[in-house]
């Protein structure tokens, strides 16, 4: 009987612990600023990879 109570208690504890949610909220302005910075860096990399055009004759 004691083993059954222990098992039920552990199962109940596990189910209760599984229901805990951790929410992390980021300020929208900071997230948008970071996204803009990443996009700018990607565009700079793409533009620097393009070969230079030969001068027009």
C-alpha atoms as a PDB file:
ATOM      1  CA  UNK A   1       0.000   0.000   0.000  1.00  0.00           C
ATOM      2  CA  UNK A   2       2.843   2.369   0.820  1.00  0.00           C
ATOM      3  CA  UNK A   3       4.447   1.685  -2.584  1.00  0.00           C
ATOM      4  CA  UNK A   4       1.152   2.464  -4.340  1.00  0.00           C
ATOM      5  CA  UNK A   5       0.857   5.789  -2.491  1.00  0.00           C
ATOM      6  CA  UNK A   6       4.454   6.646  -3.361  1.00  0.00           C
ATOM      7  CA  UNK A   7       3.894   5.850  -7.043  1.00  0.00           C
ATOM      8  CA  UNK A   8       0.683   7.875  -7.163  1.00  0.00           C
ATOM      9  CA  UNK A   9       2.415  10.775  -5.440  1.00  0.00           C
ATOM     10  CA  UNK A  10       5.309  10.706  -7.908  1.00  0.00           C
ATOM     11  CA  UNK A  11       2.930  10.569 -10.871  1.00  0.00           C
ATOM     12  CA  UNK A  12       0.900  13.452  -9.480  1.00  0.00           C
ATOM     13  CA  UNK A  13       4.044  15.496  -8.868  1.00  0.00           C
ATOM     14  CA  UNK A  14       5.299  14.776 -12.403  1.00  0.00           C
ATOM     15  CA  UNK A  15       1.993  15.830 -13.953  1.00  0.00           C
ATOM     16  CA  UNK A  16       1.907  18.979 -11.867  1.00  0.00           C
ATOM     17  CA  UNK A  17       5.490  19.876 -12.765  1.00  0.00           C
ATOM     18  CA  UNK A  18       4.739  19.324 -16.470  1.00  0.00           C
ATOM     19  CA  UNK A  19       2.029  21.997 -16.340  1.00  0.00           C
ATOM     20  CA  UNK A  20       4.413  24.760 -15.282  1.00  0.00           C
ATOM     21  CA  UNK A  21       5.069  27.254 -18.072  1.00  0.00           C
ATOM     22  CA  UNK A  22       7.836  29.804 -18.150  1.00  0.00           C
ATOM     23  CA  UNK A  23       6.981  32.864 -20.211  1.00  0.00           C
ATOM     24  CA  UNK A  24       9.674  35.304 -21.248  1.00  0.00           C
ATOM     25  CA  UNK A  25       8.547  38.586 -22.728  1.00  0.00           C
ATOM     26  CA  UNK A  26      10.846  40.709 -24.848  1.00  0.00           C
ATOM     27  CA  UNK A  27      10.173  44.386 -25.408  1.00  0.00           C
ATOM     28  CA  UNK A  28       8.863  44.797 -28.957  1.00  0.00           C
ATOM     29  CA  UNK A  29      11.105  47.765 -29.723  1.00  0.00           C
ATOM     30  CA  UNK A  30      14.257  45.920 -28.714  1.00  0.00           C
ATOM     31  CA  UNK A  31      13.300  42.852 -30.741  1.00  0.00           C
ATOM     32  CA  UNK A  32      12.533  44.993 -33.801  1.00  0.00           C
ATOM     33  CA  UNK A  33      15.839  46.849 -33.455  1.00  0.00           C
ATOM     34  CA  UNK A  34      17.754  43.564 -33.238  1.00  0.00           C
ATOM     35  CA  UNK A  35      15.929  42.198 -36.289  1.00  0.00           C
ATOM     36  CA  UNK A  36      16.712  45.344 -38.287  1.00  0.00           C
ATOM     37  CA  UNK A  37      20.382  45.090 -37.349  1.00  0.00           C
ATOM     38  CA  UNK A  38      20.547  41.453 -38.488  1.00  0.00           C
ATOM     39  CA  UNK A  39      18.805  42.283 -41.770  1.00  0.00           C
ATOM     40  CA  UNK A  40      21.219  45.157 -42.426  1.00  0.00           C
ATOM     41  CA  UNK A  41      24.210  42.879 -41.789  1.00  0.00           C
ATOM     42  CA  UNK A  42      22.851  40.239 -44.174  1.00  0.00           C
ATOM     43  CA  UNK A  43      22.308  42.818 -46.914  1.00  0.00           C
ATOM     44  CA  UNK A  44      25.835  44.164 -46.433  1.00  0.00           C
ATOM     45  CA  UNK A  45      27.252  40.650 -46.796  1.00  0.00           C
ATOM     46  CA  UNK A  46      25.246  40.034 -49.959  1.00  0.00           C
ATOM     47  CA  UNK A  47      26.287  43.345 -51.489  1.00  0.00           C
ATOM     48  CA  UNK A  48      29.959  42.755 -50.736  1.00  0.00           C
ATOM     49  CA  UNK A  49      29.840  39.286 -52.368  1.00  0.00           C
ATOM     50  CA  UNK A  50      28.728  40.679 -55.740  1.00  0.00           C
ATOM     51  CA  UNK A  51      31.568  41.211 -58.215  1.00  0.00           C
ATOM     52  CA  UNK A  52      32.219  44.757 -59.322  1.00  0.00           C
ATOM     53  CA  UNK A  53      30.846  45.694 -62.733  1.00  0.00           C
ATOM     54  CA  UNK A  54      33.451  46.492 -65.386  1.00  0.00           C
ATOM     55  CA  UNK A  55      33.598  50.145 -66.347  1.00  0.00           C
ATOM     56  CA  UNK A  56      31.412  51.168 -69.291  1.00  0.00           C
ATOM     57  CA  UNK A  57      33.218  51.903 -72.571  1.00  0.00           C
END
